[in-house]
């Protein structure tokens, strides 16, 4: 898929951001 949606978790990173980064 083309674009990864990430909602603001404010003070936390969460975990899904890392898979998104790895997928580039």
PDBML (XML) file of the C-alpha atoms, coordinates in Angstrom:
<?xml version="1.0" encoding="UTF-8" ?>
<PDBx:datablock datablockName="MODEL"
   xmlns:PDBx="http://pdbml.pdb.org/schema/pdbx-v50.xsd"
   xmlns:xsi="http://www.w3.org/2001/XMLSchema-instance"
   xsi:schemaLocation="http://pdbml.pdb.org/schema/pdbx-v50.xsd pdbx-v50.xsd">
   <PDBx:atom_siteCategory>
      <PDBx:atom_site id="1">
         <PDBx:B_iso_or_equiv>0.00</PDBx:B_iso_or_equiv>
         <PDBx:Cartn_x>0.000</PDBx:Cartn_x>
         <PDBx:Cartn_y>0.000</PDBx:Cartn_y>
         <PDBx:Cartn_z>0.000</PDBx:Cartn_z>
         <PDBx:auth_asym_id>A</PDBx:auth_asym_id>
         <PDBx:auth_atom_id>CA</PDBx:auth_atom_id>
         <PDBx:auth_comp_id>UNK</PDBx:auth_comp_id>
         <PDBx:auth_seq_id>1</PDBx:auth_seq_id>
         <PDBx:group_PDB>ATOM</PDBx:group_PDB>
         <PDBx:label_alt_id xsi:nil="true" />
         <PDBx:label_asym_id>A</PDBx:label_asym_id>
         <PDBx:label_atom_id>CA</PDBx:label_atom_id>
         <PDBx:label_comp_id>UNK</PDBx:label_comp_id>
         <PDBx:label_entity_id>1</PDBx:label_entity_id>
         <PDBx:label_seq_id>1</PDBx:label_seq_id>
         <PDBx:occupancy>1.00</PDBx:occupancy>
         <PDBx:pdbx_PDB_model_num>1</PDBx:pdbx_PDB_model_num>
         <PDBx:type_symbol>C</PDBx:type_symbol>
      </PDBx:atom_site>
      <PDBx:atom_site id="2">
         <PDBx:B_iso_or_equiv>0.00</PDBx:B_iso_or_equiv>
         <PDBx:Cartn_x>0.971</PDBx:Cartn_x>
         <PDBx:Cartn_y>3.603</PDBx:Cartn_y>
         <PDBx:Cartn_z>-0.610</PDBx:Cartn_z>
         <PDBx:auth_asym_id>A</PDBx:auth_asym_id>
         <PDBx:auth_atom_id>CA</PDBx:auth_atom_id>
         <PDBx:auth_comp_id>UNK</PDBx:auth_comp_id>
         <PDBx:auth_seq_id>2</PDBx:auth_seq_id>
         <PDBx:group_PDB>ATOM</PDBx:group_PDB>
         <PDBx:label_alt_id xsi:nil="true" />
         <PDBx:label_asym_id>A</PDBx:label_asym_id>
         <PDBx:label_atom_id>CA</PDBx:label_atom_id>
         <PDBx:label_comp_id>UNK</PDBx:label_comp_id>
         <PDBx:label_entity_id>1</PDBx:label_entity_id>
         <PDBx:label_seq_id>2</PDBx:label_seq_id>
         <PDBx:occupancy>1.00</PDBx:occupancy>
         <PDBx:pdbx_PDB_model_num>1</PDBx:pdbx_PDB_model_num>
         <PDBx:type_symbol>C</PDBx:type_symbol>
      </PDBx:atom_site>
      <PDBx:atom_site id="3">
         <PDBx:B_iso_or_equiv>0.00</PDBx:B_iso_or_equiv>
         <PDBx:Cartn_x>0.480</PDBx:Cartn_x>
         <PDBx:Cartn_y>5.711</PDBx:Cartn_y>
         <PDBx:Cartn_z>2.532</PDBx:Cartn_z>
         <PDBx:auth_asym_id>A</PDBx:auth_asym_id>
         <PDBx:auth_atom_id>CA</PDBx:auth_atom_id>
         <PDBx:auth_comp_id>UNK</PDBx:auth_comp_id>
         <PDBx:auth_seq_id>3</PDBx:auth_seq_id>
         <PDBx:group_PDB>ATOM</PDBx:group_PDB>
         <PDBx:label_alt_id xsi:nil="true" />
         <PDBx:label_asym_id>A</PDBx:label_asym_id>
         <PDBx:label_atom_id>CA</PDBx:label_atom_id>
         <PDBx:label_comp_id>UNK</PDBx:label_comp_id>
         <PDBx:label_entity_id>1</PDBx:label_entity_id>
         <PDBx:label_seq_id>3</PDBx:label_seq_id>
         <PDBx:occupancy>1.00</PDBx:occupancy>
         <PDBx:pdbx_PDB_model_num>1</PDBx:pdbx_PDB_model_num>
         <PDBx:type_symbol>C</PDBx:type_symbol>
      </PDBx:atom_site>
      <PDBx:atom_site id="4">
         <PDBx:B_iso_or_equiv>0.00</PDBx:B_iso_or_equiv>
         <PDBx:Cartn_x>0.431</PDBx:Cartn_x>
         <PDBx:Cartn_y>4.845</PDBx:Cartn_y>
         <PDBx:Cartn_z>6.247</PDBx:Cartn_z>
         <PDBx:auth_asym_id>A</PDBx:auth_asym_id>
         <PDBx:auth_atom_id>CA</PDBx:auth_atom_id>
         <PDBx:auth_comp_id>UNK</PDBx:auth_comp_id>
         <PDBx:auth_seq_id>4</PDBx:auth_seq_id>
         <PDBx:group_PDB>ATOM</PDBx:group_PDB>
         <PDBx:label_alt_id xsi:nil="true" />
         <PDBx:label_asym_id>A</PDBx:label_asym_id>
         <PDBx:label_atom_id>CA</PDBx:label_atom_id>
         <PDBx:label_comp_id>UNK</PDBx:label_comp_id>
         <PDBx:label_entity_id>1</PDBx:label_entity_id>
         <PDBx:label_seq_id>4</PDBx:label_seq_id>
         <PDBx:occupancy>1.00</PDBx:occupancy>
         <PDBx:pdbx_PDB_model_num>1</PDBx:pdbx_PDB_model_num>
         <PDBx:type_symbol>C</PDBx:type_symbol>
      </PDBx:atom_site>
      <PDBx:atom_site id="5">
         <PDBx:B_iso_or_equiv>0.00</PDBx:B_iso_or_equiv>
         <PDBx:Cartn_x>-1.993</PDBx:Cartn_x>
         <PDBx:Cartn_y>6.742</PDBx:Cartn_y>
         <PDBx:Cartn_z>8.494</PDBx:Cartn_z>
         <PDBx:auth_asym_id>A</PDBx:auth_asym_id>
         <PDBx:auth_atom_id>CA</PDBx:auth_atom_id>
         <PDBx:auth_comp_id>UNK</PDBx:auth_comp_id>
         <PDBx:auth_seq_id>5</PDBx:auth_seq_id>
         <PDBx:group_PDB>ATOM</PDBx:group_PDB>
         <PDBx:label_alt_id xsi:nil="true" />
         <PDBx:label_asym_id>A</PDBx:label_asym_id>
         <PDBx:label_atom_id>CA</PDBx:label_atom_id>
         <PDBx:label_comp_id>UNK</PDBx:label_comp_id>
         <PDBx:label_entity_id>1</PDBx:label_entity_id>
         <PDBx:label_seq_id>5</PDBx:label_seq_id>
         <PDBx:occupancy>1.00</PDBx:occupancy>
         <PDBx:pdbx_PDB_model_num>1</PDBx:pdbx_PDB_model_num>
         <PDBx:type_symbol>C</PDBx:type_symbol>
      </PDBx:atom_site>
      <PDBx:atom_site id="6">
         <PDBx:B_iso_or_equiv>0.00</PDBx:B_iso_or_equiv>
         <PDBx:Cartn_x>-0.785</PDBx:Cartn_x>
         <PDBx:Cartn_y>7.587</PDBx:Cartn_y>
         <PDBx:Cartn_z>12.007</PDBx:Cartn_z>
         <PDBx:auth_asym_id>A</PDBx:auth_asym_id>
         <PDBx:auth_atom_id>CA</PDBx:auth_atom_id>
         <PDBx:auth_comp_id>UNK</PDBx:auth_comp_id>
         <PDBx:auth_seq_id>6</PDBx:auth_seq_id>
         <PDBx:group_PDB>ATOM</PDBx:group_PDB>
         <PDBx:label_alt_id xsi:nil="true" />
         <PDBx:label_asym_id>A</PDBx:label_asym_id>
         <PDBx:label_atom_id>CA</PDBx:label_atom_id>
         <PDBx:label_comp_id>UNK</PDBx:label_comp_id>
         <PDBx:label_entity_id>1</PDBx:label_entity_id>
         <PDBx:label_seq_id>6</PDBx:label_seq_id>
         <PDBx:occupancy>1.00</PDBx:occupancy>
         <PDBx:pdbx_PDB_model_num>1</PDBx:pdbx_PDB_model_num>
         <PDBx:type_symbol>C</PDBx:type_symbol>
      </PDBx:atom_site>
      <PDBx:atom_site id="7">
         <PDBx:B_iso_or_equiv>0.00</PDBx:B_iso_or_equiv>
         <PDBx:Cartn_x>-2.961</PDBx:Cartn_x>
         <PDBx:Cartn_y>9.396</PDBx:Cartn_y>
         <PDBx:Cartn_z>14.535</PDBx:Cartn_z>
         <PDBx:auth_asym_id>A</PDBx:auth_asym_id>
         <PDBx:auth_atom_id>CA</PDBx:auth_atom_id>
         <PDBx:auth_comp_id>UNK</PDBx:auth_comp_id>
         <PDBx:auth_seq_id>7</PDBx:auth_seq_id>
         <PDBx:group_PDB>ATOM</PDBx:group_PDB>
         <PDBx:label_alt_id xsi:nil="true" />
         <PDBx:label_asym_id>A</PDBx:label_asym_id>
         <PDBx:label_atom_id>CA</PDBx:label_atom_id>
         <PDBx:label_comp_id>UNK</PDBx:label_comp_id>
         <PDBx:label_entity_id>1</PDBx:label_entity_id>
         <PDBx:label_seq_id>7</PDBx:label_seq_id>
         <PDBx:occupancy>1.00</PDBx:occupancy>
         <PDBx:pdbx_PDB_model_num>1</PDBx:pdbx_PDB_model_num>
         <PDBx:type_symbol>C</PDBx:type_symbol>
      </PDBx:atom_site>
      <PDBx:atom_site id="8">
         <PDBx:B_iso_or_equiv>0.00</PDBx:B_iso_or_equiv>
         <PDBx:Cartn_x>-1.313</PDBx:Cartn_x>
         <PDBx:Cartn_y>11.625</PDBx:Cartn_y>
         <PDBx:Cartn_z>17.125</PDBx:Cartn_z>
         <PDBx:auth_asym_id>A</PDBx:auth_asym_id>
         <PDBx:auth_atom_id>CA</PDBx:auth_atom_id>
         <PDBx:auth_comp_id>UNK</PDBx:auth_comp_id>
         <PDBx:auth_seq_id>8</PDBx:auth_seq_id>
         <PDBx:group_PDB>ATOM</PDBx:group_PDB>
         <PDBx:label_alt_id xsi:nil="true" />
         <PDBx:label_asym_id>A</PDBx:label_asym_id>
         <PDBx:label_atom_id>CA</PDBx:label_atom_id>
         <PDBx:label_comp_id>UNK</PDBx:label_comp_id>
         <PDBx:label_entity_id>1</PDBx:label_entity_id>
         <PDBx:label_seq_id>8</PDBx:label_seq_id>
         <PDBx:occupancy>1.00</PDBx:occupancy>
         <PDBx:pdbx_PDB_model_num>1</PDBx:pdbx_PDB_model_num>
         <PDBx:type_symbol>C</PDBx:type_symbol>
      </PDBx:atom_site>
      <PDBx:atom_site id="9">
         <PDBx:B_iso_or_equiv>0.00</PDBx:B_iso_or_equiv>
         <PDBx:Cartn_x>-0.520</PDBx:Cartn_x>
         <PDBx:Cartn_y>9.722</PDBx:Cartn_y>
         <PDBx:Cartn_z>20.332</PDBx:Cartn_z>
         <PDBx:auth_asym_id>A</PDBx:auth_asym_id>
         <PDBx:auth_atom_id>CA</PDBx:auth_atom_id>
         <PDBx:auth_comp_id>UNK</PDBx:auth_comp_id>
         <PDBx:auth_seq_id>9</PDBx:auth_seq_id>
         <PDBx:group_PDB>ATOM</PDBx:group_PDB>
         <PDBx:label_alt_id xsi:nil="true" />
         <PDBx:label_asym_id>A</PDBx:label_asym_id>
         <PDBx:label_atom_id>CA</PDBx:label_atom_id>
         <PDBx:label_comp_id>UNK</PDBx:label_comp_id>
         <PDBx:label_entity_id>1</PDBx:label_entity_id>
         <PDBx:label_seq_id>9</PDBx:label_seq_id>
         <PDBx:occupancy>1.00</PDBx:occupancy>
         <PDBx:pdbx_PDB_model_num>1</PDBx:pdbx_PDB_model_num>
         <PDBx:type_symbol>C</PDBx:type_symbol>
      </PDBx:atom_site>
      <PDBx:atom_site id="10">
         <PDBx:B_iso_or_equiv>0.00</PDBx:B_iso_or_equiv>
         <PDBx:Cartn_x>0.730</PDBx:Cartn_x>
         <PDBx:Cartn_y>12.968</PDBx:Cartn_y>
         <PDBx:Cartn_z>21.917</PDBx:Cartn_z>
         <PDBx:auth_asym_id>A</PDBx:auth_asym_id>
         <PDBx:auth_atom_id>CA</PDBx:auth_atom_id>
         <PDBx:auth_comp_id>UNK</PDBx:auth_comp_id>
         <PDBx:auth_seq_id>10</PDBx:auth_seq_id>
         <PDBx:group_PDB>ATOM</PDBx:group_PDB>
         <PDBx:label_alt_id xsi:nil="true" />
         <PDBx:label_asym_id>A</PDBx:label_asym_id>
         <PDBx:label_atom_id>CA</PDBx:label_atom_id>
         <PDBx:label_comp_id>UNK</PDBx:label_comp_id>
         <PDBx:label_entity_id>1</PDBx:label_entity_id>
         <PDBx:label_seq_id>10</PDBx:label_seq_id>
         <PDBx:occupancy>1.00</PDBx:occupancy>
         <PDBx:pdbx_PDB_model_num>1</PDBx:pdbx_PDB_model_num>
         <PDBx:type_symbol>C</PDBx:type_symbol>
      </PDBx:atom_site>
      <PDBx:atom_site id="11">
         <PDBx:B_iso_or_equiv>0.00</PDBx:B_iso_or_equiv>
         <PDBx:Cartn_x>3.264</PDBx:Cartn_x>
         <PDBx:Cartn_y>12.133</PDBx:Cartn_y>
         <PDBx:Cartn_z>24.663</PDBx:Cartn_z>
         <PDBx:auth_asym_id>A</PDBx:auth_asym_id>
         <PDBx:auth_atom_id>CA</PDBx:auth_atom_id>
         <PDBx:auth_comp_id>UNK</PDBx:auth_comp_id>
         <PDBx:auth_seq_id>11</PDBx:auth_seq_id>
         <PDBx:group_PDB>ATOM</PDBx:group_PDB>
         <PDBx:label_alt_id xsi:nil="true" />
         <PDBx:label_asym_id>A</PDBx:label_asym_id>
         <PDBx:label_atom_id>CA</PDBx:label_atom_id>
         <PDBx:label_comp_id>UNK</PDBx:label_comp_id>
         <PDBx:label_entity_id>1</PDBx:label_entity_id>
         <PDBx:label_seq_id>11</PDBx:label_seq_id>
         <PDBx:occupancy>1.00</PDBx:occupancy>
         <PDBx:pdbx_PDB_model_num>1</PDBx:pdbx_PDB_model_num>
         <PDBx:type_symbol>C</PDBx:type_symbol>
      </PDBx:atom_site>
      <PDBx:atom_site id="12">
         <PDBx:B_iso_or_equiv>0.00</PDBx:B_iso_or_equiv>
         <PDBx:Cartn_x>3.855</PDBx:Cartn_x>
         <PDBx:Cartn_y>8.553</PDBx:Cartn_y>
         <PDBx:Cartn_z>23.475</PDBx:Cartn_z>
         <PDBx:auth_asym_id>A</PDBx:auth_asym_id>
         <PDBx:auth_atom_id>CA</PDBx:auth_atom_id>
         <PDBx:auth_comp_id>UNK</PDBx:auth_comp_id>
         <PDBx:auth_seq_id>12</PDBx:auth_seq_id>
         <PDBx:group_PDB>ATOM</PDBx:group_PDB>
         <PDBx:label_alt_id xsi:nil="true" />
         <PDBx:label_asym_id>A</PDBx:label_asym_id>
         <PDBx:label_atom_id>CA</PDBx:label_atom_id>
         <PDBx:label_comp_id>UNK</PDBx:label_comp_id>
         <PDBx:label_entity_id>1</PDBx:label_entity_id>
         <PDBx:label_seq_id>12</PDBx:label_seq_id>
         <PDBx:occupancy>1.00</PDBx:occupancy>
         <PDBx:pdbx_PDB_model_num>1</PDBx:pdbx_PDB_model_num>
         <PDBx:type_symbol>C</PDBx:type_symbol>
      </PDBx:atom_site>
      <PDBx:atom_site id="13">
         <PDBx:B_iso_or_equiv>0.00</PDBx:B_iso_or_equiv>
         <PDBx:Cartn_x>5.436</PDBx:Cartn_x>
         <PDBx:Cartn_y>6.949</PDBx:Cartn_y>
         <PDBx:Cartn_z>20.421</PDBx:Cartn_z>
         <PDBx:auth_asym_id>A</PDBx:auth_asym_id>
         <PDBx:auth_atom_id>CA</PDBx:auth_atom_id>
         <PDBx:auth_comp_id>UNK</PDBx:auth_comp_id>
         <PDBx:auth_seq_id>13</PDBx:auth_seq_id>
         <PDBx:group_PDB>ATOM</PDBx:group_PDB>
         <PDBx:label_alt_id xsi:nil="true" />
         <PDBx:label_asym_id>A</PDBx:label_asym_id>
         <PDBx:label_atom_id>CA</PDBx:label_atom_id>
         <PDBx:label_comp_id>UNK</PDBx:label_comp_id>
         <PDBx:label_entity_id>1</PDBx:label_entity_id>
         <PDBx:label_seq_id>13</PDBx:label_seq_id>
         <PDBx:occupancy>1.00</PDBx:occupancy>
         <PDBx:pdbx_PDB_model_num>1</PDBx:pdbx_PDB_model_num>
         <PDBx:type_symbol>C</PDBx:type_symbol>
      </PDBx:atom_site>
      <PDBx:atom_site id="14">
         <PDBx:B_iso_or_equiv>0.00</PDBx:B_iso_or_equiv>
         <PDBx:Cartn_x>3.168</PDBx:Cartn_x>
         <PDBx:Cartn_y>3.929</PDBx:Cartn_y>
         <PDBx:Cartn_z>20.264</PDBx:Cartn_z>
         <PDBx:auth_asym_id>A</PDBx:auth_asym_id>
         <PDBx:auth_atom_id>CA</PDBx:auth_atom_id>
         <PDBx:auth_comp_id>UNK</PDBx:auth_comp_id>
         <PDBx:auth_seq_id>14</PDBx:auth_seq_id>
         <PDBx:group_PDB>ATOM</PDBx:group_PDB>
         <PDBx:label_alt_id xsi:nil="true" />
         <PDBx:label_asym_id>A</PDBx:label_asym_id>
         <PDBx:label_atom_id>CA</PDBx:label_atom_id>
         <PDBx:label_comp_id>UNK</PDBx:label_comp_id>
         <PDBx:label_entity_id>1</PDBx:label_entity_id>
         <PDBx:label_seq_id>14</PDBx:label_seq_id>
         <PDBx:occupancy>1.00</PDBx:occupancy>
         <PDBx:pdbx_PDB_model_num>1</PDBx:pdbx_PDB_model_num>
         <PDBx:type_symbol>C</PDBx:type_symbol>
      </PDBx:atom_site>
      <PDBx:atom_site id="15">
         <PDBx:B_iso_or_equiv>0.00</PDBx:B_iso_or_equiv>
         <PDBx:Cartn_x>4.464</PDBx:Cartn_x>
         <PDBx:Cartn_y>0.933</PDBx:Cartn_y>
         <PDBx:Cartn_z>18.288</PDBx:Cartn_z>
         <PDBx:auth_asym_id>A</PDBx:auth_asym_id>
         <PDBx:auth_atom_id>CA</PDBx:auth_atom_id>
         <PDBx:auth_comp_id>UNK</PDBx:auth_comp_id>
         <PDBx:auth_seq_id>15</PDBx:auth_seq_id>
         <PDBx:group_PDB>ATOM</PDBx:group_PDB>
         <PDBx:label_alt_id xsi:nil="true" />
         <PDBx:label_asym_id>A</PDBx:label_asym_id>
         <PDBx:label_atom_id>CA</PDBx:label_atom_id>
         <PDBx:label_comp_id>UNK</PDBx:label_comp_id>
         <PDBx:label_entity_id>1</PDBx:label_entity_id>
         <PDBx:label_seq_id>15</PDBx:label_seq_id>
         <PDBx:occupancy>1.00</PDBx:occupancy>
         <PDBx:pdbx_PDB_model_num>1</PDBx:pdbx_PDB_model_num>
         <PDBx:type_symbol>C</PDBx:type_symbol>
      </PDBx:atom_site>
      <PDBx:atom_site id="16">
         <PDBx:B_iso_or_equiv>0.00</PDBx:B_iso_or_equiv>
         <PDBx:Cartn_x>2.993</PDBx:Cartn_x>
         <PDBx:Cartn_y>1.044</PDBx:Cartn_y>
         <PDBx:Cartn_z>14.797</PDBx:Cartn_z>
         <PDBx:auth_asym_id>A</PDBx:auth_asym_id>
         <PDBx:auth_atom_id>CA</PDBx:auth_atom_id>
         <PDBx:auth_comp_id>UNK</PDBx:auth_comp_id>
         <PDBx:auth_seq_id>16</PDBx:auth_seq_id>
         <PDBx:group_PDB>ATOM</PDBx:group_PDB>
         <PDBx:label_alt_id xsi:nil="true" />
         <PDBx:label_asym_id>A</PDBx:label_asym_id>
         <PDBx:label_atom_id>CA</PDBx:label_atom_id>
         <PDBx:label_comp_id>UNK</PDBx:label_comp_id>
         <PDBx:label_entity_id>1</PDBx:label_entity_id>
         <PDBx:label_seq_id>16</PDBx:label_seq_id>
         <PDBx:occupancy>1.00</PDBx:occupancy>
         <PDBx:pdbx_PDB_model_num>1</PDBx:pdbx_PDB_model_num>
         <PDBx:type_symbol>C</PDBx:type_symbol>
      </PDBx:atom_site>
      <PDBx:atom_site id="17">
         <PDBx:B_iso_or_equiv>0.00</PDBx:B_iso_or_equiv>
         <PDBx:Cartn_x>5.218</PDBx:Cartn_x>
         <PDBx:Cartn_y>3.968</PDBx:Cartn_y>
         <PDBx:Cartn_z>13.802</PDBx:Cartn_z>
         <PDBx:auth_asym_id>A</PDBx:auth_asym_id>
         <PDBx:auth_atom_id>CA</PDBx:auth_atom_id>
         <PDBx:auth_comp_id>UNK</PDBx:auth_comp_id>
         <PDBx:auth_seq_id>17</PDBx:auth_seq_id>
         <PDBx:group_PDB>ATOM</PDBx:group_PDB>
         <PDBx:label_alt_id xsi:nil="true" />
         <PDBx:label_asym_id>A</PDBx:label_asym_id>
         <PDBx:label_atom_id>CA</PDBx:label_atom_id>
         <PDBx:label_comp_id>UNK</PDBx:label_comp_id>
         <PDBx:label_entity_id>1</PDBx:label_entity_id>
         <PDBx:label_seq_id>17</PDBx:label_seq_id>
         <PDBx:occupancy>1.00</PDBx:occupancy>
         <PDBx:pdbx_PDB_model_num>1</PDBx:pdbx_PDB_model_num>
         <PDBx:type_symbol>C</PDBx:type_symbol>
      </PDBx:atom_site>
      <PDBx:atom_site id="18">
         <PDBx:B_iso_or_equiv>0.00</PDBx:B_iso_or_equiv>
         <PDBx:Cartn_x>8.223</PDBx:Cartn_x>
         <PDBx:Cartn_y>1.635</PDBx:Cartn_y>
         <PDBx:Cartn_z>13.796</PDBx:Cartn_z>
         <PDBx:auth_asym_id>A</PDBx:auth_asym_id>
         <PDBx:auth_atom_id>CA</PDBx:auth_atom_id>
         <PDBx:auth_comp_id>UNK</PDBx:auth_comp_id>
         <PDBx:auth_seq_id>18</PDBx:auth_seq_id>
         <PDBx:group_PDB>ATOM</PDBx:group_PDB>
         <PDBx:label_alt_id xsi:nil="true" />
         <PDBx:label_asym_id>A</PDBx:label_asym_id>
         <PDBx:label_atom_id>CA</PDBx:label_atom_id>
         <PDBx:label_comp_id>UNK</PDBx:label_comp_id>
         <PDBx:label_entity_id>1</PDBx:label_entity_id>
         <PDBx:label_seq_id>18</PDBx:label_seq_id>
         <PDBx:occupancy>1.00</PDBx:occupancy>
         <PDBx:pdbx_PDB_model_num>1</PDBx:pdbx_PDB_model_num>
         <PDBx:type_symbol>C</PDBx:type_symbol>
      </PDBx:atom_site>
      <PDBx:atom_site id="19">
         <PDBx:B_iso_or_equiv>0.00</PDBx:B_iso_or_equiv>
         <PDBx:Cartn_x>6.723</PDBx:Cartn_x>
         <PDBx:Cartn_y>-0.820</PDBx:Cartn_y>
         <PDBx:Cartn_z>11.295</PDBx:Cartn_z>
         <PDBx:auth_asym_id>A</PDBx:auth_asym_id>
         <PDBx:auth_atom_id>CA</PDBx:auth_atom_id>
         <PDBx:auth_comp_id>UNK</PDBx:auth_comp_id>
         <PDBx:auth_seq_id>19</PDBx:auth_seq_id>
         <PDBx:group_PDB>ATOM</PDBx:group_PDB>
         <PDBx:label_alt_id xsi:nil="true" />
         <PDBx:label_asym_id>A</PDBx:label_asym_id>
         <PDBx:label_atom_id>CA</PDBx:label_atom_id>
         <PDBx:label_comp_id>UNK</PDBx:label_comp_id>
         <PDBx:label_entity_id>1</PDBx:label_entity_id>
         <PDBx:label_seq_id>19</PDBx:label_seq_id>
         <PDBx:occupancy>1.00</PDBx:occupancy>
         <PDBx:pdbx_PDB_model_num>1</PDBx:pdbx_PDB_model_num>
         <PDBx:type_symbol>C</PDBx:type_symbol>
      </PDBx:atom_site>
      <PDBx:atom_site id="20">
         <PDBx:B_iso_or_equiv>0.00</PDBx:B_iso_or_equiv>
         <PDBx:Cartn_x>5.758</PDBx:Cartn_x>
         <PDBx:Cartn_y>2.137</PDBx:Cartn_y>
         <PDBx:Cartn_z>9.116</PDBx:Cartn_z>
         <PDBx:auth_asym_id>A</PDBx:auth_asym_id>
         <PDBx:auth_atom_id>CA</PDBx:auth_atom_id>
         <PDBx:auth_comp_id>UNK</PDBx:auth_comp_id>
         <PDBx:auth_seq_id>20</PDBx:auth_seq_id>
         <PDBx:group_PDB>ATOM</PDBx:group_PDB>
         <PDBx:label_alt_id xsi:nil="true" />
         <PDBx:label_asym_id>A</PDBx:label_asym_id>
         <PDBx:label_atom_id>CA</PDBx:label_atom_id>
         <PDBx:label_comp_id>UNK</PDBx:label_comp_id>
         <PDBx:label_entity_id>1</PDBx:label_entity_id>
         <PDBx:label_seq_id>20</PDBx:label_seq_id>
         <PDBx:occupancy>1.00</PDBx:occupancy>
         <PDBx:pdbx_PDB_model_num>1</PDBx:pdbx_PDB_model_num>
         <PDBx:type_symbol>C</PDBx:type_symbol>
      </PDBx:atom_site>
      <PDBx:atom_site id="21">
         <PDBx:B_iso_or_equiv>0.00</PDBx:B_iso_or_equiv>
         <PDBx:Cartn_x>9.356</PDBx:Cartn_x>
         <PDBx:Cartn_y>3.364</PDBx:Cartn_y>
         <PDBx:Cartn_z>9.264</PDBx:Cartn_z>
         <PDBx:auth_asym_id>A</PDBx:auth_asym_id>
         <PDBx:auth_atom_id>CA</PDBx:auth_atom_id>
         <PDBx:auth_comp_id>UNK</PDBx:auth_comp_id>
         <PDBx:auth_seq_id>21</PDBx:auth_seq_id>
         <PDBx:group_PDB>ATOM</PDBx:group_PDB>
         <PDBx:label_alt_id xsi:nil="true" />
         <PDBx:label_asym_id>A</PDBx:label_asym_id>
         <PDBx:label_atom_id>CA</PDBx:label_atom_id>
         <PDBx:label_comp_id>UNK</PDBx:label_comp_id>
         <PDBx:label_entity_id>1</PDBx:label_entity_id>
         <PDBx:label_seq_id>21</PDBx:label_seq_id>
         <PDBx:occupancy>1.00</PDBx:occupancy>
         <PDBx:pdbx_PDB_model_num>1</PDBx:pdbx_PDB_model_num>
         <PDBx:type_symbol>C</PDBx:type_symbol>
      </PDBx:atom_site>
      <PDBx:atom_site id="22">
         <PDBx:B_iso_or_equiv>0.00</PDBx:B_iso_or_equiv>
         <PDBx:Cartn_x>10.730</PDBx:Cartn_x>
         <PDBx:Cartn_y>-0.064</PDBx:Cartn_y>
         <PDBx:Cartn_z>8.455</PDBx:Cartn_z>
         <PDBx:auth_asym_id>A</PDBx:auth_asym_id>
         <PDBx:auth_atom_id>CA</PDBx:auth_atom_id>
         <PDBx:auth_comp_id>UNK</PDBx:auth_comp_id>
         <PDBx:auth_seq_id>22</PDBx:auth_seq_id>
         <PDBx:group_PDB>ATOM</PDBx:group_PDB>
         <PDBx:label_alt_id xsi:nil="true" />
         <PDBx:label_asym_id>A</PDBx:label_asym_id>
         <PDBx:label_atom_id>CA</PDBx:label_atom_id>
         <PDBx:label_comp_id>UNK</PDBx:label_comp_id>
         <PDBx:label_entity_id>1</PDBx:label_entity_id>
         <PDBx:label_seq_id>22</PDBx:label_seq_id>
         <PDBx:occupancy>1.00</PDBx:occupancy>
         <PDBx:pdbx_PDB_model_num>1</PDBx:pdbx_PDB_model_num>
         <PDBx:type_symbol>C</PDBx:type_symbol>
      </PDBx:atom_site>
      <PDBx:atom_site id="23">
         <PDBx:B_iso_or_equiv>0.00</PDBx:B_iso_or_equiv>
         <PDBx:Cartn_x>8.462</PDBx:Cartn_x>
         <PDBx:Cartn_y>-0.400</PDBx:Cartn_y>
         <PDBx:Cartn_z>5.410</PDBx:Cartn_z>
         <PDBx:auth_asym_id>A</PDBx:auth_asym_id>
         <PDBx:auth_atom_id>CA</PDBx:auth_atom_id>
         <PDBx:auth_comp_id>UNK</PDBx:auth_comp_id>
         <PDBx:auth_seq_id>23</PDBx:auth_seq_id>
         <PDBx:group_PDB>ATOM</PDBx:group_PDB>
         <PDBx:label_alt_id xsi:nil="true" />
         <PDBx:label_asym_id>A</PDBx:label_asym_id>
         <PDBx:label_atom_id>CA</PDBx:label_atom_id>
         <PDBx:label_comp_id>UNK</PDBx:label_comp_id>
         <PDBx:label_entity_id>1</PDBx:label_entity_id>
         <PDBx:label_seq_id>23</PDBx:label_seq_id>
         <PDBx:occupancy>1.00</PDBx:occupancy>
         <PDBx:pdbx_PDB_model_num>1</PDBx:pdbx_PDB_model_num>
         <PDBx:type_symbol>C</PDBx:type_symbol>
      </PDBx:atom_site>
      <PDBx:atom_site id="24">
         <PDBx:B_iso_or_equiv>0.00</PDBx:B_iso_or_equiv>
         <PDBx:Cartn_x>9.644</PDBx:Cartn_x>
         <PDBx:Cartn_y>2.989</PDBx:Cartn_y>
         <PDBx:Cartn_z>4.118</PDBx:Cartn_z>
         <PDBx:auth_asym_id>A</PDBx:auth_asym_id>
         <PDBx:auth_atom_id>CA</PDBx:auth_atom_id>
         <PDBx:auth_comp_id>UNK</PDBx:auth_comp_id>
         <PDBx:auth_seq_id>24</PDBx:auth_seq_id>
         <PDBx:group_PDB>ATOM</PDBx:group_PDB>
         <PDBx:label_alt_id xsi:nil="true" />
         <PDBx:label_asym_id>A</PDBx:label_asym_id>
         <PDBx:label_atom_id>CA</PDBx:label_atom_id>
         <PDBx:label_comp_id>UNK</PDBx:label_comp_id>
         <PDBx:label_entity_id>1</PDBx:label_entity_id>
         <PDBx:label_seq_id>24</PDBx:label_seq_id>
         <PDBx:occupancy>1.00</PDBx:occupancy>
         <PDBx:pdbx_PDB_model_num>1</PDBx:pdbx_PDB_model_num>
         <PDBx:type_symbol>C</PDBx:type_symbol>
      </PDBx:atom_site>
   </PDBx:atom_siteCategory>
</PDBx:datablock>
